[in-house]
Amino acid sequence: MLDSRSRARIRRGGPALAVGALLDGIPEQLVLGIGLAAGDGVGAALIVAIIVSNLPESIGSASDLLKSGMHKTRVVLMWAAVALVCTLATVAGFALADAVGSEFAAAANGFAAGALLVMLVDSMIPEAQEKAKESTGLATVIGFAVAAGLALAA
């Protein structure tokens, strides 16, 4: 059983990951929509990369929120809202593709990368270090290697 201090810490971490997912996801999905409108298509590597990058955030956040006592329905609704907003960002990117240039897409990608780094440093890495101890570094390197391999395969 968790004490009230642990519950409060966990409850803060879960929403932080959800906000991080939005800050990373909205520009990422805007760029995806712009790419689709430009006829770039969607490769399997991109879909895998999006799923692989978003699953740990959502699973970690949901797990923490459930442990802190948040009702399952509320957790599911929160992540459904994140998914809906990111989907709408894809649609918006598709609609805005003719109005924005490649500089916008580059800026959006940069913002998404920065948001992801902040979330990694502030939430995910400290939690992983606390839970997984020594294997955190190895798992991180493997994750980057897989991402690099997917990028080269695209």
Protein backbone atom coordinates (compact mmCIF):
# COMPACT_ATOMS: atom_id res chain seq x y z
CA MET A 1 0.00 0.00 0.00
CA LEU A 2 1.30 3.46 -0.88
CA ASP A 3 1.52 6.26 1.64
CA SER A 4 -0.03 9.66 0.83
CA ARG A 5 3.35 11.18 -0.09
CA SER A 6 4.07 8.40 -2.60
CA ARG A 7 0.57 8.73 -4.05
CA ALA A 8 1.04 12.49 -4.51
CA ARG A 9 4.41 11.99 -6.24
CA ILE A 10 2.97 9.35 -8.56
CA ARG A 11 -0.13 11.44 -9.29
CA ARG A 12 2.10 14.36 -10.35
CA GLY A 13 4.20 12.12 -12.62
CA GLY A 14 1.30 10.62 -14.57
CA PRO A 15 -0.21 13.91 -15.76
CA ALA A 16 3.28 15.25 -16.50
CA LEU A 17 3.79 12.40 -18.95
CA ALA A 18 0.39 13.11 -20.53
CA VAL A 19 1.27 16.80 -20.95
CA GLY A 20 4.65 15.78 -22.36
CA ALA A 21 2.91 13.47 -24.81
CA LEU A 22 0.78 16.39 -25.98
CA LEU A 23 3.75 18.76 -26.28
CA ASP A 24 5.63 16.13 -28.25
CA GLY A 25 2.63 14.69 -30.09
CA ILE A 26 0.95 17.82 -31.42
CA PRO A 27 3.92 19.11 -33.46
CA GLU A 28 4.91 15.54 -34.41
CA GLN A 29 1.41 14.90 -35.76
CA LEU A 30 1.29 18.31 -37.49
CA VAL A 31 4.43 17.35 -39.39
CA LEU A 32 2.91 13.96 -40.20
CA GLY A 33 -0.17 15.68 -41.65
CA ILE A 34 2.00 18.07 -43.68
CA GLY A 35 3.98 15.11 -45.02
CA LEU A 36 0.82 13.27 -46.00
CA ALA A 37 -0.51 16.35 -47.82
CA ALA A 38 2.80 16.72 -49.64
CA GLY A 39 2.46 13.16 -50.91
CA ASP A 40 5.34 11.84 -48.83
CA GLY A 41 3.22 8.92 -47.66
CA VAL A 42 3.57 7.09 -44.40
CA GLY A 43 6.24 4.43 -44.17
CA ALA A 44 6.17 1.48 -41.82
CA ALA A 45 9.25 2.85 -40.05
CA LEU A 46 7.45 6.09 -39.21
CA ILE A 47 4.40 4.28 -37.82
CA VAL A 48 6.60 1.97 -35.74
CA ALA A 49 8.62 4.95 -34.47
CA ILE A 50 5.50 6.85 -33.41
CA ILE A 51 4.04 3.83 -31.63
CA VAL A 52 7.32 2.85 -29.97
CA SER A 53 7.93 6.38 -28.75
CA ASN A 54 4.41 6.90 -27.39
CA LEU A 55 3.73 3.55 -25.75
CA PRO A 56 6.17 3.91 -22.82
CA GLU A 57 4.76 7.36 -22.03
CA SER A 58 1.17 6.22 -21.97
CA ILE A 59 1.80 2.92 -20.20
CA GLY A 60 4.00 4.55 -17.56
CA SER A 61 1.56 7.37 -16.96
CA ALA A 62 -1.48 5.08 -16.81
CA SER A 63 0.28 2.69 -14.45
CA ASP A 64 1.32 5.51 -12.11
CA LEU A 65 -2.13 7.08 -12.12
CA LEU A 66 -3.83 3.77 -11.38
CA LYS A 67 -1.38 3.10 -8.53
CA SER A 68 -2.14 6.52 -7.07
CA GLY A 69 -5.83 5.68 -6.93
CA MET A 70 -7.16 7.46 -10.00
CA HIS A 71 -10.19 5.67 -11.41
CA LYS A 72 -9.52 3.54 -14.49
CA THR A 73 -12.22 5.34 -16.52
CA ARG A 74 -10.60 8.71 -15.86
CA VAL A 75 -7.17 7.41 -16.94
CA VAL A 76 -8.61 5.95 -20.14
CA LEU A 77 -10.49 9.18 -20.89
CA MET A 78 -7.36 11.25 -20.33
CA TRP A 79 -5.32 9.17 -22.80
CA ALA A 80 -8.23 9.05 -25.26
CA ALA A 81 -8.25 12.87 -25.14
CA VAL A 82 -4.48 12.94 -25.83
CA ALA A 83 -4.98 10.58 -28.79
CA LEU A 84 -7.88 12.68 -30.11
CA VAL A 85 -5.94 15.95 -29.89
CA CYS A 86 -2.95 14.38 -31.66
CA THR A 87 -5.23 12.98 -34.38
CA LEU A 88 -6.75 16.42 -34.86
CA ALA A 89 -3.21 17.82 -35.13
CA THR A 90 -2.58 15.43 -38.04
CA VAL A 91 -5.73 16.67 -39.74
CA ALA A 92 -4.70 20.29 -39.08
CA GLY A 93 -1.25 19.64 -40.53
CA PHE A 94 -2.83 18.16 -43.64
CA ALA A 95 -5.12 21.22 -43.97
CA LEU A 96 -2.29 23.71 -43.36
CA ALA A 97 0.24 22.07 -45.67
CA ASP A 98 -0.23 24.54 -48.51
CA ALA A 99 -0.11 27.55 -46.16
CA VAL A 100 3.12 26.70 -44.36
CA GLY A 101 6.61 26.10 -45.65
CA SER A 102 9.27 23.59 -44.80
CA GLU A 103 10.58 25.99 -42.12
CA PHE A 104 7.35 25.46 -40.16
CA ALA A 105 7.73 21.69 -40.33
CA ALA A 106 11.35 21.97 -39.20
CA ALA A 107 10.39 24.24 -36.29
CA ALA A 108 7.56 21.88 -35.28
CA ASN A 109 9.97 18.92 -35.37
CA GLY A 110 12.45 20.85 -33.25
CA PHE A 111 9.78 21.74 -30.70
CA ALA A 112 8.62 18.11 -30.55
CA ALA A 113 12.19 16.90 -30.03
CA GLY A 114 12.75 19.45 -27.26
CA ALA A 115 9.51 18.50 -25.52
CA LEU A 116 10.49 14.84 -25.72
CA LEU A 117 13.91 15.55 -24.21
CA VAL A 118 12.37 17.52 -21.33
CA MET A 119 9.95 14.69 -20.61
CA LEU A 120 12.75 12.11 -20.77
CA VAL A 121 15.05 14.03 -18.42
CA ASP A 122 12.39 15.22 -15.97
CA SER A 123 10.10 12.19 -15.75
CA MET A 124 10.96 9.04 -17.64
CA ILE A 125 14.68 8.56 -16.97
CA PRO A 126 14.51 9.25 -13.21
CA GLU A 127 11.56 6.88 -12.87
CA ALA A 128 13.27 4.22 -14.98
CA GLN A 129 16.45 4.57 -12.92
CA GLU A 130 14.43 4.18 -9.73
CA LYS A 131 12.60 1.09 -10.96
CA ALA A 132 15.08 -0.67 -13.27
CA LYS A 133 18.39 0.40 -11.70
CA GLU A 134 21.40 -0.70 -13.78
CA SER A 135 19.51 -1.73 -16.91
CA THR A 136 18.22 1.79 -17.59
CA GLY A 137 21.30 2.90 -19.52
CA LEU A 138 21.44 -0.25 -21.62
CA ALA A 139 17.72 -0.02 -22.44
CA THR A 140 18.18 3.64 -23.43
CA VAL A 141 21.07 2.83 -25.77
CA ILE A 142 19.12 -0.04 -27.34
CA GLY A 143 16.15 2.30 -27.84
CA PHE A 144 18.31 4.88 -29.60
CA ALA A 145 19.91 2.15 -31.74
CA VAL A 146 16.49 0.86 -32.80
CA ALA A 147 15.35 4.42 -33.61
CA ALA A 148 18.49 5.02 -35.66
CA GLY A 149 17.99 1.75 -37.49
CA LEU A 150 14.38 2.62 -38.28
CA ALA A 151 15.44 6.05 -39.54
CA LEU A 152 18.03 4.50 -41.85
CA ALA A 153 15.53 1.93 -43.10
CA ALA A 154 13.04 4.64 -44.07
